[in-house]
Amino acid sequence: MAEIRWTQEALRWLEDIHQYIAEDNPTAADNVVSGIYQKAQLLSDHPEIGYFYRSEPEGNIRILLYGHYRIAYLTHGKTSVDILGVFHGAMELTRYLP
């Protein structure tokens, strides 16, 4: 099982997503953030489930999809995963993952 670690940046993204959705629908905001978190938990047993984005010296950056969102994460073999950010599908990833 891989350890899942959320970066501070990724946690800020989740908070921003929650705040944005909660302006119109607090229940939906809770559901979306909970869904993203639950989807990321799959990485514990299946760290390579997301599609390959690019290779880095520390490991591979992969993307896991959840609805309209992309969960960007860095794999360290099968031992750990760092969640780098959560991005809406309309956002250009290269702007945030140069």
N, C-alpha and C. Protein backbone atom coordinates (compact mmCIF):
# COMPACT_ATOMS: atom_id res chain seq x y z
N MET A 1 0.83 -1.19 0.00
CA MET A 1 0.00 0.00 0.00
C MET A 1 0.88 1.26 0.00
N ALA A 2 0.51 2.19 -0.84
CA ALA A 2 1.25 3.45 -0.92
C ALA A 2 0.68 4.45 0.09
N GLU A 3 1.58 5.19 0.71
CA GLU A 3 1.16 6.27 1.60
C GLU A 3 0.74 7.47 0.74
N ILE A 4 -0.39 8.08 1.06
CA ILE A 4 -0.87 9.25 0.33
C ILE A 4 -0.60 10.49 1.17
N ARG A 5 0.14 11.44 0.57
CA ARG A 5 0.45 12.70 1.26
C ARG A 5 -0.09 13.85 0.41
N TRP A 6 -0.84 14.73 1.05
CA TRP A 6 -1.38 15.91 0.38
C TRP A 6 -0.44 17.09 0.62
N THR A 7 0.00 17.74 -0.45
CA THR A 7 0.82 18.93 -0.30
C THR A 7 -0.05 20.09 0.18
N GLN A 8 0.58 21.10 0.75
CA GLN A 8 -0.17 22.28 1.18
C GLN A 8 -0.86 22.94 -0.01
N GLU A 9 -0.20 22.94 -1.14
CA GLU A 9 -0.79 23.51 -2.36
C GLU A 9 -2.07 22.76 -2.74
N ALA A 10 -2.04 21.46 -2.71
CA ALA A 10 -3.22 20.66 -3.05
C ALA A 10 -4.36 20.92 -2.07
N LEU A 11 -4.03 21.04 -0.80
CA LEU A 11 -5.07 21.33 0.20
C LEU A 11 -5.68 22.71 -0.03
N ARG A 12 -4.86 23.67 -0.45
CA ARG A 12 -5.39 25.01 -0.78
C ARG A 12 -6.34 24.94 -1.97
N TRP A 13 -5.97 24.12 -2.97
CA TRP A 13 -6.85 23.95 -4.13
C TRP A 13 -8.20 23.38 -3.69
N LEU A 14 -8.17 22.38 -2.83
CA LEU A 14 -9.43 21.79 -2.34
C LEU A 14 -10.27 22.83 -1.60
N GLU A 15 -9.64 23.63 -0.77
CA GLU A 15 -10.35 24.69 -0.05
C GLU A 15 -10.96 25.69 -1.02
N ASP A 16 -10.21 26.07 -2.04
CA ASP A 16 -10.71 27.02 -3.03
C ASP A 16 -11.91 26.44 -3.80
N ILE A 17 -11.81 25.18 -4.17
CA ILE A 17 -12.91 24.51 -4.87
C ILE A 17 -14.14 24.52 -3.98
N HIS A 18 -13.95 24.15 -2.72
CA HIS A 18 -15.08 24.12 -1.78
C HIS A 18 -15.72 25.50 -1.64
N GLN A 19 -14.91 26.51 -1.43
CA GLN A 19 -15.44 27.86 -1.25
C GLN A 19 -16.20 28.34 -2.48
N TYR A 20 -15.67 28.06 -3.66
CA TYR A 20 -16.31 28.50 -4.90
C TYR A 20 -17.69 27.85 -5.06
N ILE A 21 -17.75 26.54 -4.88
CA ILE A 21 -19.03 25.84 -5.05
C ILE A 21 -20.00 26.20 -3.93
N ALA A 22 -19.48 26.36 -2.71
CA ALA A 22 -20.33 26.64 -1.54
C ALA A 22 -21.06 27.97 -1.65
N GLU A 23 -20.55 28.89 -2.46
CA GLU A 23 -21.25 30.16 -2.63
C GLU A 23 -22.67 29.94 -3.14
N ASP A 24 -22.87 28.91 -3.96
CA ASP A 24 -24.19 28.60 -4.51
C ASP A 24 -24.85 27.41 -3.82
N ASN A 25 -24.01 26.45 -3.38
CA ASN A 25 -24.60 25.22 -2.85
C ASN A 25 -23.61 24.54 -1.89
N PRO A 26 -23.72 24.82 -0.60
CA PRO A 26 -22.78 24.23 0.37
C PRO A 26 -22.79 22.70 0.40
N THR A 27 -23.95 22.10 0.21
CA THR A 27 -24.02 20.64 0.20
C THR A 27 -23.26 20.06 -0.98
N ALA A 28 -23.42 20.67 -2.15
CA ALA A 28 -22.69 20.21 -3.34
C ALA A 28 -21.19 20.38 -3.13
N ALA A 29 -20.79 21.47 -2.50
CA ALA A 29 -19.37 21.70 -2.22
C ALA A 29 -18.81 20.58 -1.36
N ASP A 30 -19.54 20.22 -0.31
CA ASP A 30 -19.10 19.11 0.56
C ASP A 30 -18.98 17.82 -0.23
N ASN A 31 -19.96 17.55 -1.09
CA ASN A 31 -19.98 16.32 -1.88
C ASN A 31 -18.82 16.25 -2.87
N VAL A 32 -18.54 17.37 -3.53
CA VAL A 32 -17.46 17.38 -4.52
C VAL A 32 -16.11 17.16 -3.84
N VAL A 33 -15.84 17.89 -2.78
CA VAL A 33 -14.56 17.76 -2.09
C VAL A 33 -14.41 16.36 -1.49
N SER A 34 -15.48 15.83 -0.92
CA SER A 34 -15.45 14.47 -0.38
C SER A 34 -15.19 13.46 -1.50
N GLY A 35 -15.82 13.66 -2.66
CA GLY A 35 -15.61 12.76 -3.79
C GLY A 35 -14.18 12.79 -4.30
N ILE A 36 -13.60 13.98 -4.37
CA ILE A 36 -12.20 14.11 -4.80
C ILE A 36 -11.30 13.37 -3.82
N TYR A 37 -11.54 13.59 -2.53
CA TYR A 37 -10.72 12.94 -1.51
C TYR A 37 -10.85 11.42 -1.61
N GLN A 38 -12.07 10.92 -1.74
CA GLN A 38 -12.29 9.47 -1.83
C GLN A 38 -11.64 8.88 -3.08
N LYS A 39 -11.72 9.60 -4.19
CA LYS A 39 -11.09 9.12 -5.42
C LYS A 39 -9.57 9.02 -5.22
N ALA A 40 -8.99 10.01 -4.56
CA ALA A 40 -7.55 9.99 -4.31
C ALA A 40 -7.14 8.82 -3.43
N GLN A 41 -8.04 8.34 -2.59
CA GLN A 41 -7.72 7.22 -1.71
C GLN A 41 -7.47 5.93 -2.51
N LEU A 42 -7.99 5.86 -3.72
CA LEU A 42 -7.71 4.70 -4.58
C LEU A 42 -6.22 4.54 -4.86
N LEU A 43 -5.50 5.65 -4.79
CA LEU A 43 -4.07 5.62 -5.09
C LEU A 43 -3.27 4.81 -4.08
N SER A 44 -3.83 4.61 -2.91
CA SER A 44 -3.16 3.81 -1.90
C SER A 44 -2.92 2.38 -2.41
N ASP A 45 -3.92 1.81 -3.04
CA ASP A 45 -3.79 0.45 -3.57
C ASP A 45 -3.36 0.41 -5.03
N HIS A 46 -3.61 1.50 -5.74
CA HIS A 46 -3.33 1.54 -7.19
C HIS A 46 -2.65 2.86 -7.56
N PRO A 47 -1.39 3.06 -7.16
CA PRO A 47 -0.74 4.35 -7.39
C PRO A 47 -0.53 4.72 -8.85
N GLU A 48 -0.65 3.78 -9.76
CA GLU A 48 -0.43 4.08 -11.17
C GLU A 48 -1.73 4.08 -11.97
N ILE A 49 -2.87 4.23 -11.26
CA ILE A 49 -4.17 4.18 -11.92
C ILE A 49 -4.40 5.38 -12.84
N GLY A 50 -3.84 6.54 -12.51
CA GLY A 50 -4.02 7.74 -13.34
C GLY A 50 -3.15 7.67 -14.59
N TYR A 51 -3.48 8.53 -15.55
CA TYR A 51 -2.70 8.51 -16.78
C TYR A 51 -1.37 9.26 -16.59
N PHE A 52 -0.37 8.81 -17.30
CA PHE A 52 0.97 9.38 -17.23
C PHE A 52 0.97 10.79 -17.79
N TYR A 53 1.56 11.74 -17.05
CA TYR A 53 1.68 13.12 -17.51
C TYR A 53 3.13 13.41 -17.93
N ARG A 54 4.07 13.15 -17.00
CA ARG A 54 5.49 13.29 -17.34
C ARG A 54 6.36 12.69 -16.24
N SER A 55 7.61 12.47 -16.59
CA SER A 55 8.57 11.90 -15.66
C SER A 55 9.42 13.01 -15.05
N GLU A 56 9.70 12.87 -13.76
CA GLU A 56 10.55 13.79 -13.01
C GLU A 56 11.61 12.95 -12.31
N PRO A 57 12.72 13.57 -11.87
CA PRO A 57 13.73 12.79 -11.14
C PRO A 57 13.17 12.10 -9.90
N GLU A 58 12.16 12.72 -9.25
CA GLU A 58 11.59 12.16 -8.02
C GLU A 58 10.61 11.02 -8.30
N GLY A 59 10.08 10.95 -9.52
CA GLY A 59 9.09 9.94 -9.87
C GLY A 59 8.25 10.44 -11.04
N ASN A 60 7.12 9.80 -11.27
CA ASN A 60 6.25 10.17 -12.38
C ASN A 60 5.09 11.01 -11.89
N ILE A 61 4.77 12.03 -12.66
CA ILE A 61 3.55 12.80 -12.40
C ILE A 61 2.45 12.14 -13.21
N ARG A 62 1.36 11.86 -12.53
CA ARG A 62 0.21 11.21 -13.15
C ARG A 62 -1.03 12.04 -12.85
N ILE A 63 -2.10 11.80 -13.59
CA ILE A 63 -3.35 12.53 -13.43
C ILE A 63 -4.48 11.53 -13.25
N LEU A 64 -5.24 11.73 -12.18
CA LEU A 64 -6.41 10.91 -11.90
C LEU A 64 -7.64 11.79 -12.08
N LEU A 65 -8.62 11.30 -12.81
CA LEU A 65 -9.82 12.08 -13.10
C LEU A 65 -10.92 11.82 -12.09
N TYR A 66 -11.62 12.90 -11.75
CA TYR A 66 -12.83 12.81 -10.92
C TYR A 66 -13.80 13.86 -11.45
N GLY A 67 -14.83 13.44 -12.13
CA GLY A 67 -15.79 14.37 -12.70
C GLY A 67 -15.08 15.37 -13.59
N HIS A 68 -15.27 16.66 -13.31
CA HIS A 68 -14.63 17.73 -14.09
C HIS A 68 -13.25 18.09 -13.56
N TYR A 69 -12.75 17.34 -12.60
CA TYR A 69 -11.49 17.68 -11.94
C TYR A 69 -10.39 16.69 -12.27
N ARG A 70 -9.15 17.21 -12.22
CA ARG A 70 -7.96 16.39 -12.42
C ARG A 70 -7.13 16.48 -11.15
N ILE A 71 -6.80 15.34 -10.62
CA ILE A 71 -5.97 15.23 -9.42
C ILE A 71 -4.56 14.91 -9.89
N ALA A 72 -3.65 15.87 -9.75
CA ALA A 72 -2.26 15.67 -10.18
C ALA A 72 -1.46 15.13 -9.00
N TYR A 73 -0.69 14.08 -9.25
CA TYR A 73 0.09 13.49 -8.17
C TYR A 73 1.41 12.94 -8.67
N LEU A 74 2.35 12.84 -7.74
CA LEU A 74 3.69 12.34 -8.01
C LEU A 74 3.83 10.98 -7.34
N THR A 75 4.22 9.98 -8.12
CA THR A 75 4.42 8.64 -7.55
C THR A 75 5.89 8.46 -7.19
N HIS A 76 6.10 7.81 -6.08
CA HIS A 76 7.45 7.41 -5.64
C HIS A 76 7.44 5.89 -5.63
N GLY A 77 7.51 5.31 -6.81
CA GLY A 77 7.37 3.86 -6.92
C GLY A 77 5.99 3.46 -6.44
N LYS A 78 5.92 2.40 -5.67
CA LYS A 78 4.64 1.95 -5.12
C LYS A 78 4.56 2.20 -3.63
N THR A 79 5.50 3.04 -3.12
CA THR A 79 5.54 3.26 -1.67
C THR A 79 4.80 4.50 -1.20
N SER A 80 4.79 5.56 -2.04
CA SER A 80 4.09 6.77 -1.62
C SER A 80 3.65 7.60 -2.82
N VAL A 81 2.66 8.45 -2.56
CA VAL A 81 2.08 9.33 -3.57
C VAL A 81 1.95 10.71 -2.94
N ASP A 82 2.39 11.74 -3.65
CA ASP A 82 2.20 13.12 -3.20
C ASP A 82 1.15 13.77 -4.11
N ILE A 83 0.03 14.18 -3.52
CA ILE A 83 -0.99 14.89 -4.28
C ILE A 83 -0.48 16.32 -4.47
N LEU A 84 -0.30 16.72 -5.72
CA LEU A 84 0.28 18.02 -6.04
C LEU A 84 -0.76 19.12 -6.19
N GLY A 85 -1.93 18.77 -6.68
CA GLY A 85 -2.97 19.76 -6.90
C GLY A 85 -4.23 19.13 -7.45
N VAL A 86 -5.31 19.89 -7.38
CA VAL A 86 -6.60 19.47 -7.94
C VAL A 86 -7.06 20.60 -8.85
N PHE A 87 -7.25 20.29 -10.12
CA PHE A 87 -7.52 21.31 -11.12
C PHE A 87 -8.81 21.02 -11.86
N HIS A 88 -9.58 22.07 -12.13
CA HIS A 88 -10.77 21.91 -12.96
C HIS A 88 -10.30 21.56 -14.37
N GLY A 89 -11.07 20.75 -15.05
CA GLY A 89 -10.71 20.29 -16.39
C GLY A 89 -10.51 21.40 -17.40
N ALA A 90 -11.13 22.57 -17.18
CA ALA A 90 -11.00 23.68 -18.11
C ALA A 90 -9.66 24.41 -17.95
N MET A 91 -8.95 24.14 -16.87
CA MET A 91 -7.68 24.82 -16.62
C MET A 91 -6.55 24.17 -17.40
N GLU A 92 -5.60 24.97 -17.85
CA GLU A 92 -4.45 24.47 -18.58
C GLU A 92 -3.40 23.98 -17.59
N LEU A 93 -3.15 22.68 -17.58
CA LEU A 93 -2.22 22.09 -16.61
C LEU A 93 -0.80 22.64 -16.72
N THR A 94 -0.35 22.92 -17.92
CA THR A 94 1.03 23.38 -18.09
C THR A 94 1.26 24.71 -17.37
N ARG A 95 0.21 25.43 -17.10
CA ARG A 95 0.34 26.70 -16.35
C ARG A 95 0.68 26.43 -14.88
N TYR A 96 0.22 25.31 -14.37
CA TYR A 96 0.39 24.99 -12.95
C TYR A 96 1.43 23.89 -12.71
N LEU A 97 1.66 23.07 -13.71
CA LEU A 97 2.68 22.03 -13.63
C LEU A 97 3.66 22.24 -14.78
N PRO A 98 4.47 23.29 -14.69
CA PRO A 98 5.36 23.64 -15.82
C PRO A 98 6.38 22.56 -16.12
